[in-house]
Amino acid sequence: MSDVGGVQGGGEPHHYSKEELERYHQDYQKGLDLFQKSFEEYNKPDVEFHKKEQLKKVMDEALQVMNETACVALKEGKVANDKQLNTDYQDFIKNPTPEAQKKVADDIKALSD
């Protein structure tokens, strides 16, 4: 996949203008930043349950934006990192161990680089 094409369904690759690519990339980056900030806040000690629930909702929505823009906004190698973040985040929500937390933090770092 080139930097200017994305996969749309099963048909021909769609070619995006530089402006469209930049917009997708900005949307992805905003989602990643929001996810990262919410994740850090979620993992602070003594966060109240209702606040954790709100932060989880924010992380879920940010991840959805990231997923919707990943195929266009990211270079091919980073798409795998985005998928890994999805998997590790779901594992973390089911079982919030320090190891699971570190995996998500590492995924965020890989996507931020």
C-alpha atoms as a PDB file:
ATOM      1  CA  MET A   1       0.000   0.000   0.000  1.00  0.00           C
ATOM      2  CA  SER A   2       1.381   3.407  -0.885  1.00  0.00           C
ATOM      3  CA  ASP A   3       1.206   6.506   1.247  1.00  0.00           C
ATOM      4  CA  VAL A   4      -1.596   7.918  -0.901  1.00  0.00           C
ATOM      5  CA  GLY A   5      -3.852   4.901  -1.255  1.00  0.00           C
ATOM      6  CA  GLY A   6      -6.160   3.089   1.096  1.00  0.00           C
ATOM      7  CA  VAL A   7      -8.243  -0.016   0.841  1.00  0.00           C
ATOM      8  CA  GLN A   8     -11.942   0.644   0.365  1.00  0.00           C
ATOM      9  CA  GLY A   9     -13.966  -2.526   0.520  1.00  0.00           C
ATOM     10  CA  GLY A  10     -12.733  -5.079  -1.976  1.00  0.00           C
ATOM     11  CA  GLY A  11     -12.408  -2.793  -4.975  1.00  0.00           C
ATOM     12  CA  GLU A  12      -9.719  -0.547  -6.323  1.00  0.00           C
ATOM     13  CA  PRO A  13      -7.579   1.433  -3.885  1.00  0.00           C
ATOM     14  CA  HIS A  14      -8.932   4.925  -3.302  1.00  0.00           C
ATOM     15  CA  HIS A  15      -6.394   7.685  -3.817  1.00  0.00           C
ATOM     16  CA  TYR A  16      -6.583  10.554  -1.359  1.00  0.00           C
ATOM     17  CA  SER A  17      -5.448  14.108  -1.830  1.00  0.00           C
ATOM     18  CA  LYS A  18      -2.665  15.430   0.351  1.00  0.00           C
ATOM     19  CA  GLU A  19      -5.243  17.467   2.288  1.00  0.00           C
ATOM     20  CA  GLU A  20      -7.436  14.404   2.892  1.00  0.00           C
ATOM     21  CA  LEU A  21      -4.453  12.386   4.086  1.00  0.00           C
ATOM     22  CA  GLU A  22      -3.434  15.187   6.421  1.00  0.00           C
ATOM     23  CA  ARG A  23      -6.974  15.396   7.842  1.00  0.00           C
ATOM     24  CA  TYR A  24      -7.093  11.626   8.418  1.00  0.00           C
ATOM     25  CA  HIS A  25      -3.687  11.750  10.065  1.00  0.00           C
ATOM     26  CA  GLN A  26      -4.758  14.646  12.325  1.00  0.00           C
ATOM     27  CA  ASP A  27      -7.954  12.817  13.309  1.00  0.00           C
ATOM     28  CA  TYR A  28      -5.958   9.696  14.096  1.00  0.00           C
ATOM     29  CA  GLN A  29      -3.424  11.661  16.151  1.00  0.00           C
ATOM     30  CA  LYS A  30      -6.188  13.423  18.114  1.00  0.00           C
ATOM     31  CA  GLY A  31      -7.741  10.038  18.879  1.00  0.00           C
ATOM     32  CA  LEU A  32      -4.382   8.625  19.959  1.00  0.00           C
ATOM     33  CA  ASP A  33      -3.656  11.637  22.194  1.00  0.00           C
ATOM     34  CA  LEU A  34      -7.101  11.437  23.796  1.00  0.00           C
ATOM     35  CA  PHE A  35      -6.741   7.690  24.305  1.00  0.00           C
ATOM     36  CA  GLN A  36      -3.300   8.132  25.883  1.00  0.00           C
ATOM     37  CA  LYS A  37      -4.414  10.876  28.294  1.00  0.00           C
ATOM     38  CA  SER A  38      -7.511   8.923  29.324  1.00  0.00           C
ATOM     39  CA  PHE A  39      -5.486   5.729  29.765  1.00  0.00           C
ATOM     40  CA  GLU A  40      -2.973   7.508  32.004  1.00  0.00           C
ATOM     41  CA  GLU A  41      -5.770   9.037  34.100  1.00  0.00           C
ATOM     42  CA  TYR A  42      -7.596   5.669  34.278  1.00  0.00           C
ATOM     43  CA  ASN A  43      -4.499   4.043  35.776  1.00  0.00           C
ATOM     44  CA  LYS A  44      -3.862   6.608  38.487  1.00  0.00           C
ATOM     45  CA  PRO A  45      -4.400   5.311  42.017  1.00  0.00           C
ATOM     46  CA  ASP A  46      -7.630   6.185  43.805  1.00  0.00           C
ATOM     47  CA  VAL A  47      -9.648   7.055  40.697  1.00  0.00           C
ATOM     48  CA  GLU A  48     -13.343   6.790  41.557  1.00  0.00           C
ATOM     49  CA  PHE A  49     -15.367   4.054  39.857  1.00  0.00           C
ATOM     50  CA  HIS A  50     -17.706   6.444  38.014  1.00  0.00           C
ATOM     51  CA  LYS A  51     -14.724   8.413  36.690  1.00  0.00           C
ATOM     52  CA  LYS A  52     -13.101   5.172  35.490  1.00  0.00           C
ATOM     53  CA  GLU A  53     -16.318   4.338  33.651  1.00  0.00           C
ATOM     54  CA  GLN A  54     -16.280   7.755  31.944  1.00  0.00           C
ATOM     55  CA  LEU A  55     -12.612   7.360  31.035  1.00  0.00           C
ATOM     56  CA  LYS A  56     -13.304   3.896  29.610  1.00  0.00           C
ATOM     57  CA  LYS A  57     -16.064   5.395  27.464  1.00  0.00           C
ATOM     58  CA  VAL A  58     -13.653   8.085  26.207  1.00  0.00           C
ATOM     59  CA  MET A  59     -11.011   5.438  25.435  1.00  0.00           C
ATOM     60  CA  ASP A  60     -13.577   3.307  23.580  1.00  0.00           C
ATOM     61  CA  GLU A  61     -14.683   6.282  21.464  1.00  0.00           C
ATOM     62  CA  ALA A  62     -11.105   7.417  20.782  1.00  0.00           C
ATOM     63  CA  LEU A  63     -10.176   3.894  19.718  1.00  0.00           C
ATOM     64  CA  GLN A  64     -13.165   3.839  17.368  1.00  0.00           C
ATOM     65  CA  VAL A  65     -11.967   7.055  15.678  1.00  0.00           C
ATOM     66  CA  MET A  66      -8.482   5.589  15.433  1.00  0.00           C
ATOM     67  CA  ASN A  67      -9.825   2.397  13.861  1.00  0.00           C
ATOM     68  CA  GLU A  68     -11.906   4.325  11.331  1.00  0.00           C
ATOM     69  CA  THR A  69      -8.951   6.403  10.167  1.00  0.00           C
ATOM     70  CA  ALA A  70      -6.084   3.910  10.574  1.00  0.00           C
ATOM     71  CA  CYS A  71      -6.210   2.399   7.081  1.00  0.00           C
ATOM     72  CA  VAL A  72      -5.705   5.843   5.535  1.00  0.00           C
ATOM     73  CA  ALA A  73      -3.773   7.726   8.214  1.00  0.00           C
ATOM     74  CA  LEU A  74      -1.124   5.143   8.985  1.00  0.00           C
ATOM     75  CA  LYS A  75       1.664   3.666   6.968  1.00  0.00           C
ATOM     76  CA  GLU A  76       1.323  -0.078   6.493  1.00  0.00           C
ATOM     77  CA  GLY A  77       3.610  -1.053   9.388  1.00  0.00           C
ATOM     78  CA  LYS A  78       1.668   1.048  11.883  1.00  0.00           C
ATOM     79  CA  VAL A  79      -1.677  -0.574  11.019  1.00  0.00           C
ATOM     80  CA  ALA A  80      -0.440  -3.741  12.757  1.00  0.00           C
ATOM     81  CA  ASN A  81       0.444  -1.640  15.819  1.00  0.00           C
ATOM     82  CA  ASP A  82      -3.088  -0.188  15.806  1.00  0.00           C
ATOM     83  CA  LYS A  83      -4.592  -3.681  15.704  1.00  0.00           C
ATOM     84  CA  GLN A  84      -2.314  -4.763  18.556  1.00  0.00           C
ATOM     85  CA  LEU A  85      -3.482  -1.778  20.625  1.00  0.00           C
ATOM     86  CA  ASN A  86      -7.089  -2.886  20.114  1.00  0.00           C
ATOM     87  CA  THR A  87      -6.287  -6.411  21.289  1.00  0.00           C
ATOM     88  CA  ASP A  88      -4.174  -5.331  24.257  1.00  0.00           C
ATOM     89  CA  TYR A  89      -6.744  -2.718  25.334  1.00  0.00           C
ATOM     90  CA  GLN A  90      -9.553  -5.299  25.355  1.00  0.00           C
ATOM     91  CA  ASP A  91      -7.328  -7.649  27.384  1.00  0.00           C
ATOM     92  CA  PHE A  92      -6.531  -4.808  29.804  1.00  0.00           C
ATOM     93  CA  ILE A  93     -10.208  -3.948  30.330  1.00  0.00           C
ATOM     94  CA  LYS A  94     -11.002  -7.617  31.054  1.00  0.00           C
ATOM     95  CA  ASN A  95      -7.994  -8.074  33.349  1.00  0.00           C
ATOM     96  CA  PRO A  96      -6.268  -4.803  34.366  1.00  0.00           C
ATOM     97  CA  THR A  97      -2.937  -6.263  35.506  1.00  0.00           C
ATOM     98  CA  PRO A  98       0.319  -4.283  35.500  1.00  0.00           C
ATOM     99  CA  GLU A  99       1.506  -6.471  32.603  1.00  0.00           C
ATOM    100  CA  ALA A 100      -1.609  -5.670  30.554  1.00  0.00           C
ATOM    101  CA  GLN A 101      -1.218  -1.974  31.405  1.00  0.00           C
ATOM    102  CA  LYS A 102       2.395  -2.041  30.180  1.00  0.00           C
ATOM    103  CA  LYS A 103       1.372  -3.678  26.889  1.00  0.00           C
ATOM    104  CA  VAL A 104      -1.133  -0.893  26.176  1.00  0.00           C
ATOM    105  CA  ALA A 105       1.401   1.775  27.157  1.00  0.00           C
ATOM    106  CA  ASP A 106       3.981   0.154  24.845  1.00  0.00           C
ATOM    107  CA  ASP A 107       1.424   0.069  21.999  1.00  0.00           C
ATOM    108  CA  ILE A 108       0.677   3.781  22.486  1.00  0.00           C
ATOM    109  CA  LYS A 109       4.399   4.548  22.415  1.00  0.00           C
ATOM    110  CA  ALA A 110       4.872   2.526  19.206  1.00  0.00           C
ATOM    111  CA  LEU A 111       2.050   4.452  17.528  1.00  0.00           C
ATOM    112  CA  SER A 112       3.374   7.799  18.770  1.00  0.00           C
ATOM    113  CA  ASP A 113       6.894   7.268  17.390  1.00  0.00           C
END
